[in-house]
C-alpha atoms as a PDB file:
ATOM      1  CA  MET A   1    -252.543 141.922-112.772  1.00  0.00           C
ATOM      2  CA  ALA A   2    -249.541 141.186-114.967  1.00  0.00           C
ATOM      3  CA  LEU A   3    -246.411 143.248-114.508  1.00  0.00           C
ATOM      4  CA  PRO A   4    -246.300 145.929-117.260  1.00  0.00           C
ATOM      5  CA  VAL A   5    -243.532 145.345-119.781  1.00  0.00           C
ATOM      6  CA  TRP A   6    -242.188 148.880-119.388  1.00  0.00           C
ATOM      7  CA  LEU A   7    -241.833 148.382-115.639  1.00  0.00           C
ATOM      8  CA  ALA A   8    -240.177 144.956-115.969  1.00  0.00           C
ATOM      9  CA  ASP A   9    -237.767 146.370-118.543  1.00  0.00           C
ATOM     10  CA  GLY A  10    -236.948 149.317-116.299  1.00  0.00           C
ATOM     11  CA  ILE A  11    -236.243 147.110-113.278  1.00  0.00           C
ATOM     12  CA  ALA A  12    -234.106 144.826-115.434  1.00  0.00           C
ATOM     13  CA  ARG A  13    -232.043 147.740-116.735  1.00  0.00           C
ATOM     14  CA  LEU A  14    -231.495 149.043-113.213  1.00  0.00           C
ATOM     15  CA  ALA A  15    -230.470 145.602-111.981  1.00  0.00           C
ATOM     16  CA  GLN A  16    -228.019 145.245-114.868  1.00  0.00           C
ATOM     17  CA  ARG A  17    -225.983 148.124-113.447  1.00  0.00           C
ATOM     18  CA  GLY A  18    -224.944 146.036-110.465  1.00  0.00           C
ATOM     19  CA  PRO A  19    -221.883 143.777-110.305  1.00  0.00           C
ATOM     20  CA  GLY A  20    -222.004 140.105-111.149  1.00  0.00           C
ATOM     21  CA  PRO A  21    -221.613 137.350-108.558  1.00  0.00           C
ATOM     22  CA  LYS A  22    -218.141 137.063-107.092  1.00  0.00           C
ATOM     23  CA  LEU A  23    -216.963 133.471-107.019  1.00  0.00           C
ATOM     24  CA  GLY A  24    -215.518 132.217-103.791  1.00  0.00           C
ATOM     25  CA  GLU A  25    -211.920 131.065-103.904  1.00  0.00           C
ATOM     26  CA  ALA A  26    -212.946 127.462-103.238  1.00  0.00           C
ATOM     27  CA  VAL A  27    -215.105 127.285-106.398  1.00  0.00           C
ATOM     28  CA  SER A  28    -213.242 129.620-108.759  1.00  0.00           C
ATOM     29  CA  PHE A  29    -210.638 126.988-109.706  1.00  0.00           C
ATOM     30  CA  ALA A  30    -208.103 129.770-110.113  1.00  0.00           C
ATOM     31  CA  ASP A  31    -205.387 127.181-109.517  1.00  0.00           C
ATOM     32  CA  ILE A  32    -206.174 125.616-112.901  1.00  0.00           C
ATOM     33  CA  PRO A  33    -204.007 127.353-115.501  1.00  0.00           C
ATOM     34  CA  ALA A  34    -206.036 128.720-118.392  1.00  0.00           C
ATOM     35  CA  THR A  35    -205.018 129.903-121.827  1.00  0.00           C
ATOM     36  CA  ALA A  36    -207.854 132.199-122.834  1.00  0.00           C
ATOM     37  CA  GLU A  37    -208.390 134.260-125.968  1.00  0.00           C
ATOM     38  CA  ALA A  38    -211.084 136.810-126.818  1.00  0.00           C
ATOM     39  CA  VAL A  39    -212.914 136.302-130.116  1.00  0.00           C
ATOM     40  CA  THR A  40    -215.822 137.924-131.940  1.00  0.00           C
ATOM     41  CA  ILE A  41    -218.612 135.792-133.396  1.00  0.00           C
ATOM     42  CA  PRO A  42    -220.982 136.988-136.144  1.00  0.00           C
ATOM     43  CA  THR A  43    -224.684 136.156-135.696  1.00  0.00           C
ATOM     44  CA  ARG A  44    -227.939 137.182-137.378  1.00  0.00           C
ATOM     45  CA  HIS A  45    -228.533 139.523-134.422  1.00  0.00           C
ATOM     46  CA  GLY A  46    -225.118 141.176-134.545  1.00  0.00           C
ATOM     47  CA  GLU A  47    -221.660 140.314-133.340  1.00  0.00           C
ATOM     48  CA  VAL A  48    -221.076 138.858-129.883  1.00  0.00           C
ATOM     49  CA  SER A  49    -217.902 138.449-127.881  1.00  0.00           C
ATOM     50  CA  ALA A  50    -216.682 135.152-126.489  1.00  0.00           C
ATOM     51  CA  THR A  51    -213.746 133.817-124.518  1.00  0.00           C
ATOM     52  CA  VAL A  52    -212.027 130.694-125.802  1.00  0.00           C
ATOM     53  CA  TYR A  53    -210.385 128.448-123.187  1.00  0.00           C
ATOM     54  CA  VAL A  54    -207.729 126.133-124.617  1.00  0.00           C
ATOM     55  CA  PRO A  55    -206.999 122.727-123.005  1.00  0.00           C
ATOM     56  CA  PRO A  56    -203.458 121.831-121.864  1.00  0.00           C
ATOM     57  CA  ALA A  57    -202.755 119.845-125.066  1.00  0.00           C
ATOM     58  CA  GLY A  58    -203.705 122.801-127.263  1.00  0.00           C
ATOM     59  CA  ALA A  59    -206.604 123.538-129.585  1.00  0.00           C
ATOM     60  CA  ALA A  60    -205.398 121.585-132.620  1.00  0.00           C
ATOM     61  CA  GLU A  61    -207.637 118.524-133.141  1.00  0.00           C
ATOM     62  CA  ALA A  62    -209.359 119.111-129.788  1.00  0.00           C
ATOM     63  CA  PRO A  63    -213.166 118.873-129.553  1.00  0.00           C
ATOM     64  CA  VAL A  64    -215.143 121.997-128.703  1.00  0.00           C
ATOM     65  CA  PHE A  65    -217.805 122.816-126.121  1.00  0.00           C
ATOM     66  CA  VAL A  66    -219.894 125.995-126.407  1.00  0.00           C
ATOM     67  CA  ASN A  67    -221.032 127.370-123.042  1.00  0.00           C
ATOM     68  CA  PHE A  68    -223.806 129.856-122.243  1.00  0.00           C
ATOM     69  CA  HIS A  69    -223.863 131.626-118.869  1.00  0.00           C
ATOM     70  CA  GLY A  70    -226.886 132.179-116.664  1.00  0.00           C
ATOM     71  CA  GLY A  71    -228.529 135.362-115.468  1.00  0.00           C
ATOM     72  CA  GLY A  72    -232.277 135.120-115.967  1.00  0.00           C
ATOM     73  CA  PHE A  73    -231.975 136.092-119.657  1.00  0.00           C
ATOM     74  CA  VAL A  74    -231.303 139.597-118.324  1.00  0.00           C
ATOM     75  CA  PHE A  75    -227.857 139.701-116.670  1.00  0.00           C
ATOM     76  CA  ARG A  76    -224.718 139.669-118.784  1.00  0.00           C
ATOM     77  CA  HIS A  77    -221.893 138.204-116.721  1.00  0.00           C
ATOM     78  CA  PRO A  78    -220.084 135.485-118.707  1.00  0.00           C
ATOM     79  CA  GLU A  79    -217.149 135.789-116.310  1.00  0.00           C
ATOM     80  CA  GLN A  80    -219.224 133.983-113.650  1.00  0.00           C
ATOM     81  CA  ASP A  81    -218.556 130.762-115.594  1.00  0.00           C
ATOM     82  CA  ASP A  82    -214.787 131.224-115.626  1.00  0.00           C
ATOM     83  CA  GLY A  83    -214.284 128.475-113.026  1.00  0.00           C
ATOM     84  CA  LEU A  84    -216.510 126.034-114.883  1.00  0.00           C
ATOM     85  CA  CYS A  85    -214.822 126.787-118.218  1.00  0.00           C
ATOM     86  CA  ARG A  86    -211.358 126.363-116.713  1.00  0.00           C
ATOM     87  CA  TYR A  87    -212.383 123.070-115.146  1.00  0.00           C
ATOM     88  CA  LEU A  88    -213.945 121.610-118.290  1.00  0.00           C
ATOM     89  CA  ALA A  89    -211.107 122.697-120.572  1.00  0.00           C
ATOM     90  CA  HIS A  90    -208.542 121.156-118.240  1.00  0.00           C
ATOM     91  CA  HIS A  91    -210.308 117.983-117.122  1.00  0.00           C
ATOM     92  CA  ALA A  92    -212.296 117.144-120.260  1.00  0.00           C
ATOM     93  CA  GLY A  93    -209.545 118.174-122.679  1.00  0.00           C
ATOM     94  CA  VAL A  94    -211.866 120.362-124.746  1.00  0.00           C
ATOM     95  CA  VAL A  95    -211.782 123.855-126.152  1.00  0.00           C
ATOM     96  CA  VAL A  96    -214.480 125.848-124.336  1.00  0.00           C
ATOM     97  CA  VAL A  97    -216.124 128.817-126.078  1.00  0.00           C
ATOM     98  CA  ASN A  98    -217.860 130.937-123.422  1.00  0.00           C
ATOM     99  CA  VAL A  99    -220.348 133.124-125.279  1.00  0.00           C
ATOM    100  CA  ASP A 100    -221.316 136.625-124.123  1.00  0.00           C
ATOM    101  CA  TYR A 101    -224.759 136.609-125.767  1.00  0.00           C
ATOM    102  CA  ASP A 102    -227.029 139.648-125.823  1.00  0.00           C
ATOM    103  CA  VAL A 103    -229.664 139.884-123.095  1.00  0.00           C
ATOM    104  CA  ALA A 104    -233.170 141.269-122.622  1.00  0.00           C
ATOM    105  CA  PRO A 105    -234.689 143.742-123.002  1.00  0.00           C
ATOM    106  CA  GLY A 106    -232.182 144.547-125.746  1.00  0.00           C
ATOM    107  CA  LEU A 107    -232.626 141.112-127.274  1.00  0.00           C
ATOM    108  CA  ARG A 108    -235.640 139.070-126.274  1.00  0.00           C
ATOM    109  CA  SER A 109    -236.774 135.536-127.105  1.00  0.00           C
ATOM    110  CA  PRO A 110    -236.379 133.935-129.603  1.00  0.00           C
ATOM    111  CA  GLY A 111    -233.484 136.225-130.560  1.00  0.00           C
ATOM    112  CA  GLN A 112    -231.209 135.081-127.729  1.00  0.00           C
ATOM    113  CA  THR A 113    -231.565 131.407-128.626  1.00  0.00           C
ATOM    114  CA  GLU A 114    -231.108 132.162-132.335  1.00  0.00           C
ATOM    115  CA  GLN A 115    -227.929 134.049-131.474  1.00  0.00           C
ATOM    116  CA  ALA A 116    -226.738 131.103-129.383  1.00  0.00           C
ATOM    117  CA  TYR A 117    -227.446 128.719-132.263  1.00  0.00           C
ATOM    118  CA  ASP A 118    -225.502 130.926-134.680  1.00  0.00           C
ATOM    119  CA  ALA A 119    -222.547 130.916-132.267  1.00  0.00           C
ATOM    120  CA  VAL A 120    -222.600 127.104-132.262  1.00  0.00           C
ATOM    121  CA  VAL A 121    -222.739 127.020-136.069  1.00  0.00           C
ATOM    122  CA  TRP A 122    -219.686 129.293-136.069  1.00  0.00           C
ATOM    123  CA  ALA A 123    -217.855 127.018-133.625  1.00  0.00           C
ATOM    124  CA  ALA A 124    -218.601 123.993-135.798  1.00  0.00           C
ATOM    125  CA  ALA A 125    -217.113 125.505-138.956  1.00  0.00           C
ATOM    126  CA  PRO A 126    -214.132 123.568-140.391  1.00  0.00           C
ATOM    127  CA  GLU A 127    -211.936 126.670-140.561  1.00  0.00           C
ATOM    128  CA  ARG A 128    -211.734 126.927-136.770  1.00  0.00           C
ATOM    129  CA  PRO A 129    -208.469 125.840-135.092  1.00  0.00           C
ATOM    130  CA  TRP A 130    -210.246 122.984-133.271  1.00  0.00           C
ATOM    131  CA  ASP A 131    -212.289 119.966-134.342  1.00  0.00           C
ATOM    132  CA  GLY A 132    -215.787 121.369-134.841  1.00  0.00           C
ATOM    133  CA  ALA A 133    -217.046 117.944-135.892  1.00  0.00           C
ATOM    134  CA  ARG A 134    -216.795 116.918-132.216  1.00  0.00           C
ATOM    135  CA  LEU A 135    -219.131 119.431-130.674  1.00  0.00           C
ATOM    136  CA  GLY A 136    -221.117 119.887-127.480  1.00  0.00           C
ATOM    137  CA  VAL A 137    -223.238 122.637-125.939  1.00  0.00           C
ATOM    138  CA  GLY A 138    -224.251 123.506-122.437  1.00  0.00           C
ATOM    139  CA  GLY A 139    -225.062 126.189-119.967  1.00  0.00           C
ATOM    140  CA  SER A 140    -226.219 127.072-116.489  1.00  0.00           C
ATOM    141  CA  SER A 141    -229.668 128.432-115.608  1.00  0.00           C
ATOM    142  CA  ALA A 142    -230.790 130.648-118.534  1.00  0.00           C
ATOM    143  CA  GLY A 143    -227.730 129.423-120.419  1.00  0.00           C
ATOM    144  CA  GLY A 144    -228.953 125.866-119.972  1.00  0.00           C
ATOM    145  CA  ALA A 145    -232.272 126.888-121.505  1.00  0.00           C
ATOM    146  CA  HIS A 146    -230.366 128.301-124.481  1.00  0.00           C
ATOM    147  CA  ALA A 147    -228.360 125.077-124.790  1.00  0.00           C
ATOM    148  CA  ALA A 148    -231.606 123.085-124.864  1.00  0.00           C
ATOM    149  CA  GLY A 149    -232.944 125.475-127.488  1.00  0.00           C
ATOM    150  CA  VAL A 150    -229.800 125.150-129.589  1.00  0.00           C
ATOM    151  CA  ALA A 151    -230.091 121.355-129.470  1.00  0.00           C
ATOM    152  CA  ARG A 152    -233.720 121.661-130.591  1.00  0.00           C
ATOM    153  CA  LEU A 153    -232.810 123.961-133.494  1.00  0.00           C
ATOM    154  CA  ALA A 154    -229.966 121.656-134.508  1.00  0.00           C
ATOM    155  CA  LEU A 155    -232.460 118.778-134.582  1.00  0.00           C
ATOM    156  CA  GLU A 156    -234.921 120.764-136.678  1.00  0.00           C
ATOM    157  CA  HIS A 157    -232.320 122.177-139.076  1.00  0.00           C
ATOM    158  CA  GLY A 158    -230.311 118.996-139.489  1.00  0.00           C
ATOM    159  CA  GLY A 159    -227.199 120.327-137.799  1.00  0.00           C
ATOM    160  CA  PRO A 160    -224.707 121.099-136.676  1.00  0.00           C
ATOM    161  CA  ALA A 161    -224.228 117.624-135.215  1.00  0.00           C
ATOM    162  CA  LEU A 162    -224.115 117.773-131.417  1.00  0.00           C
ATOM    163  CA  ALA A 163    -222.600 114.937-129.417  1.00  0.00           C
ATOM    164  CA  VAL A 164    -223.906 116.156-126.053  1.00  0.00           C
ATOM    165  CA  GLN A 165    -225.873 118.870-124.273  1.00  0.00           C
ATOM    166  CA  LEU A 166    -225.184 119.713-120.618  1.00  0.00           C
ATOM    167  CA  LEU A 167    -228.220 121.381-119.023  1.00  0.00           C
ATOM    168  CA  HIS A 168    -227.208 122.814-115.650  1.00  0.00           C
ATOM    169  CA  TYR A 169    -230.305 123.711-113.516  1.00  0.00           C
ATOM    170  CA  PRO A 170    -232.122 125.327-116.479  1.00  0.00           C
ATOM    171  CA  PRO A 171    -235.540 127.037-116.596  1.00  0.00           C
ATOM    172  CA  LEU A 172    -237.559 124.940-119.041  1.00  0.00           C
ATOM    173  CA  ASP A 173    -241.174 125.900-118.425  1.00  0.00           C
ATOM    174  CA  LEU A 174    -242.057 129.594-118.404  1.00  0.00           C
ATOM    175  CA  THR A 175    -245.769 128.825-118.707  1.00  0.00           C
ATOM    176  CA  VAL A 176    -245.873 128.431-114.921  1.00  0.00           C
ATOM    177  CA  PRO A 177    -245.273 131.614-112.852  1.00  0.00           C
ATOM    178  CA  SER A 178    -242.338 131.406-110.479  1.00  0.00           C
ATOM    179  CA  LYS A 179    -244.583 131.956-107.447  1.00  0.00           C
ATOM    180  CA  GLN A 180    -246.507 128.788-108.327  1.00  0.00           C
ATOM    181  CA  LYS A 181    -243.264 126.815-108.565  1.00  0.00           C
ATOM    182  CA  TRP A 182    -242.429 127.457-104.930  1.00  0.00           C
ATOM    183  CA  SER A 183    -243.277 124.912-102.241  1.00  0.00           C
ATOM    184  CA  LYS A 184    -242.145 124.194 -98.712  1.00  0.00           C
ATOM    185  CA  GLY A 185    -238.466 123.344 -98.584  1.00  0.00           C
ATOM    186  CA  LYS A 186    -237.647 125.332-101.705  1.00  0.00           C
ATOM    187  CA  GLU A 187    -235.585 128.512-101.669  1.00  0.00           C
ATOM    188  CA  ARG A 188    -237.184 131.812-102.656  1.00  0.00           C
ATOM    189  CA  LEU A 189    -234.219 133.078-104.671  1.00  0.00           C
ATOM    190  CA  LEU A 190    -236.079 133.178-108.009  1.00  0.00           C
ATOM    191  CA  VAL A 191    -239.597 133.828-106.757  1.00  0.00           C
ATOM    192  CA  GLY A 192    -239.263 137.613-106.635  1.00  0.00           C
ATOM    193  CA  MET A 193    -237.199 138.146-109.783  1.00  0.00           C
ATOM    194  CA  GLY A 194    -238.950 135.459-111.839  1.00  0.00           C
ATOM    195  CA  PRO A 195    -241.823 137.679-113.033  1.00  0.00           C
ATOM    196  CA  ILE A 196    -239.327 140.343-114.131  1.00  0.00           C
ATOM    197  CA  PHE A 197    -237.155 137.819-115.961  1.00  0.00           C
ATOM    198  CA  ASP A 198    -240.128 136.218-117.717  1.00  0.00           C
ATOM    199  CA  ARG A 199    -241.811 139.493-118.689  1.00  0.00           C
ATOM    200  CA  THR A 200    -238.598 141.018-119.984  1.00  0.00           C
ATOM    201  CA  TYR A 201    -237.504 137.919-121.881  1.00  0.00           C
ATOM    202  CA  ARG A 202    -240.857 136.912-123.452  1.00  0.00           C
ATOM    203  CA  PRO A 203    -243.397 139.684-122.774  1.00  0.00           C
ATOM    204  CA  VAL A 204    -246.493 137.985-124.235  1.00  0.00           C
ATOM    205  CA  GLU A 205    -247.559 135.267-121.806  1.00  0.00           C
ATOM    206  CA  ALA A 206    -249.251 133.135-124.462  1.00  0.00           C
ATOM    207  CA  GLU A 207    -245.976 132.933-126.374  1.00  0.00           C
ATOM    208  CA  ARG A 208    -244.130 131.373-123.445  1.00  0.00           C
ATOM    209  CA  ALA A 209    -245.429 127.965-124.506  1.00  0.00           C
ATOM    210  CA  ASP A 210    -242.995 128.123-127.458  1.00  0.00           C
ATOM    211  CA  ARG A 211    -240.761 125.051-127.741  1.00  0.00           C
ATOM    212  CA  LEU A 212    -237.596 127.152-127.352  1.00  0.00           C
ATOM    213  CA  VAL A 213    -238.900 128.635-124.106  1.00  0.00           C
ATOM    214  CA  SER A 214    -240.887 125.845-122.433  1.00  0.00           C
ATOM    215  CA  PRO A 215    -239.817 122.418-123.722  1.00  0.00           C
ATOM    216  CA  ALA A 216    -240.933 120.997-120.371  1.00  0.00           C
ATOM    217  CA  GLY A 217    -244.351 122.627-120.698  1.00  0.00           C
ATOM    218  CA  PRO A 218    -247.534 120.751-121.641  1.00  0.00           C
ATOM    219  CA  SER A 219    -247.879 122.339-125.093  1.00  0.00           C
ATOM    220  CA  ASP A 220    -244.658 120.981-126.559  1.00  0.00           C
ATOM    221  CA  THR A 221    -245.436 117.425-127.581  1.00  0.00           C
ATOM    222  CA  ALA A 222    -243.273 117.092-130.712  1.00  0.00           C
ATOM    223  CA  SER A 223    -240.931 114.141-130.969  1.00  0.00           C
ATOM    224  CA  LEU A 224    -237.412 114.646-129.645  1.00  0.00           C
ATOM    225  CA  SER A 225    -236.132 111.542-131.401  1.00  0.00           C
ATOM    226  CA  GLY A 226    -232.616 112.224-132.657  1.00  0.00           C
ATOM    227  CA  ILE A 227    -231.909 115.186-130.379  1.00  0.00           C
ATOM    228  CA  ALA A 228    -228.427 115.420-128.853  1.00  0.00           C
ATOM    229  CA  PRO A 229    -227.870 113.178-125.798  1.00  0.00           C
ATOM    230  CA  ALA A 230    -228.265 115.189-122.612  1.00  0.00           C
ATOM    231  CA  VAL A 231    -227.105 115.457-119.036  1.00  0.00           C
ATOM    232  CA  VAL A 232    -229.658 117.297-116.887  1.00  0.00           C
ATOM    233  CA  VAL A 233    -228.625 118.701-113.499  1.00  0.00           C
ATOM    234  CA  THR A 234    -231.313 119.689-110.999  1.00  0.00           C
ATOM    235  CA  CYS A 235    -231.023 120.984-107.426  1.00  0.00           C
ATOM    236  CA  GLU A 236    -233.230 119.815-104.568  1.00  0.00           C
ATOM    237  CA  ARG A 237    -234.064 123.299-103.231  1.00  0.00           C
ATOM    238  CA  ASP A 238    -234.396 125.004-106.626  1.00  0.00           C
ATOM    239  CA  ILE A 239    -237.910 125.987-107.747  1.00  0.00           C
ATOM    240  CA  LEU A 240    -236.853 124.913-111.270  1.00  0.00           C
ATOM    241  CA  ARG A 241    -236.222 121.322-110.178  1.00  0.00           C
ATOM    242  CA  GLU A 242    -239.580 119.860-111.195  1.00  0.00           C
ATOM    243  CA  GLU A 243    -239.449 121.201-114.757  1.00  0.00           C
ATOM    244  CA  GLY A 244    -235.916 119.862-115.073  1.00  0.00           C
ATOM    245  CA  ILE A 245    -237.167 116.452-113.987  1.00  0.00           C
ATOM    246  CA  ARG A 246    -240.018 116.610-116.494  1.00  0.00           C
ATOM    247  CA  TYR A 247    -237.636 117.417-119.315  1.00  0.00           C
ATOM    248  CA  ALA A 248    -235.231 114.686-118.243  1.00  0.00           C
ATOM    249  CA  GLN A 249    -238.145 112.235-118.403  1.00  0.00           C
ATOM    250  CA  ARG A 250    -239.029 113.514-121.860  1.00  0.00           C
ATOM    251  CA  LEU A 251    -235.460 113.043-123.022  1.00  0.00           C
ATOM    252  CA  ARG A 252    -235.376 109.553-121.532  1.00  0.00           C
ATOM    253  CA  ALA A 253    -238.498 108.665-123.520  1.00  0.00           C
ATOM    254  CA  ALA A 254    -236.647 109.806-126.649  1.00  0.00           C
ATOM    255  CA  ASP A 255    -233.611 107.682-125.679  1.00  0.00           C
ATOM    256  CA  ALA A 256    -231.613 110.898-125.350  1.00  0.00           C
ATOM    257  CA  LEU A 257    -230.836 111.077-121.610  1.00  0.00           C
ATOM    258  CA  LEU A 258    -227.287 110.244-120.545  1.00  0.00           C
ATOM    259  CA  GLU A 259    -227.884 111.053-116.871  1.00  0.00           C
ATOM    260  CA  HIS A 260    -230.142 113.055-114.609  1.00  0.00           C
ATOM    261  CA  ILE A 261    -228.030 114.395-111.741  1.00  0.00           C
ATOM    262  CA  ASP A 262    -230.141 115.590-108.795  1.00  0.00           C
ATOM    263  CA  LEU A 263    -228.041 117.392-106.195  1.00  0.00           C
ATOM    264  CA  PRO A 264    -229.371 116.907-102.629  1.00  0.00           C
ATOM    265  CA  GLY A 265    -229.498 120.023-100.477  1.00  0.00           C
ATOM    266  CA  ALA A 266    -228.363 122.267-103.324  1.00  0.00           C
ATOM    267  CA  GLY A 267    -230.057 125.434-104.473  1.00  0.00           C
ATOM    268  CA  HIS A 268    -230.101 127.387-107.696  1.00  0.00           C
ATOM    269  CA  GLY A 269    -226.648 128.715-108.549  1.00  0.00           C
ATOM    270  CA  TYR A 270    -225.052 126.433-105.963  1.00  0.00           C
ATOM    271  CA  ASN A 271    -221.753 126.627-107.859  1.00  0.00           C
ATOM    272  CA  LEU A 272    -221.740 130.435-107.788  1.00  0.00           C
ATOM    273  CA  LEU A 273    -223.393 131.357-104.504  1.00  0.00           C
ATOM    274  CA  GLY A 274    -222.440 128.491-102.220  1.00  0.00           C
ATOM    275  CA  LYS A 275    -219.236 127.588-100.450  1.00  0.00           C
ATOM    276  CA  ASP A 276    -219.468 123.806-100.696  1.00  0.00           C
ATOM    277  CA  ALA A 277    -216.350 123.116-102.732  1.00  0.00           C
ATOM    278  CA  ASP A 278    -216.827 119.352-102.513  1.00  0.00           C
ATOM    279  CA  LEU A 279    -220.316 119.592-104.001  1.00  0.00           C
ATOM    280  CA  VAL A 280    -219.118 121.798-106.857  1.00  0.00           C
ATOM    281  CA  GLN A 281    -216.030 119.682-107.489  1.00  0.00           C
ATOM    282  CA  GLY A 282    -218.097 116.491-107.575  1.00  0.00           C
ATOM    283  CA  SER A 283    -220.697 117.967-109.911  1.00  0.00           C
ATOM    284  CA  TYR A 284    -218.096 119.422-112.298  1.00  0.00           C
ATOM    285  CA  ALA A 285    -216.219 116.123-112.338  1.00  0.00           C
ATOM    286  CA  ARG A 286    -219.347 114.303-113.478  1.00  0.00           C
ATOM    287  CA  LEU A 287    -220.000 116.900-116.180  1.00  0.00           C
ATOM    288  CA  ALA A 288    -216.399 116.725-117.373  1.00  0.00           C
ATOM    289  CA  GLY A 289    -216.607 112.931-117.483  1.00  0.00           C
ATOM    290  CA  HIS A 290    -219.701 113.021-119.685  1.00  0.00           C
ATOM    291  CA  LEU A 291    -218.130 115.655-121.913  1.00  0.00           C
ATOM    292  CA  ARG A 292    -214.899 113.733-122.282  1.00  0.00           C
ATOM    293  CA  SER A 293    -216.746 110.517-123.074  1.00  0.00           C
ATOM    294  CA  ALA A 294    -219.151 112.102-125.593  1.00  0.00           C
ATOM    295  CA  LEU A 295    -216.452 114.009-127.474  1.00  0.00           C
ATOM    296  CA  ARG A 296    -213.603 111.521-127.471  1.00  0.00           C
END
């Protein structure tokens, strides 16, 4: 029996009252100085807040990277990506716009991805104090799914032009229940909350085959030719690993895969929940390198 929408929504709202993940000192990169500014971005689904991180050389003529945080499409904690945003701004020399998008059940799919796309259109506008013609998108977990969706919408709408998409352990196939994604050796972190996330985000199961929700699912067979080049990060112990691999293979077939990074021994949210600073540092360095190269 499927979880009733009213119950999933209620559990989600209760869970939203709790605090966000607290980054460990080793992975917060608090030692990296950050010039950050709060901005408001208009979208078709209302205004959203964002934090703009400015690189050491300043925003003028710098490329821009729009980041979307994770949280199962339900949790609203953009501050959890503060360390990542600091790192990318400093080491890739880019302006980072960390978007506080609306979450379910207040805003469900496809509204969240449409809001994310509108934020990227805003960031690309020539009146911004950075170079919106050199533009990338990315995100972790649910934010990575939004980044993939934004890249798809940009392909379909003819812009804005994206030089790169960084997909950091994203959920890319909601047609498969989280319980069925688990196997021996995988962590159970998302198995329990997965049904709540999925039901709250896209209540009608048949609609989860939508291209903006399940681009790694069997129903989405449209050509990805011309989509923004991508870096896909998967984690060995994450139940989302296999769908990430499938999407990386699909991107490779479209000549749009820069690199598939598979992190051995890592689990979902390794950069937020773990204490392996070397793993996080190494992963972020590879992401920053791709970003710097794509947006130079």
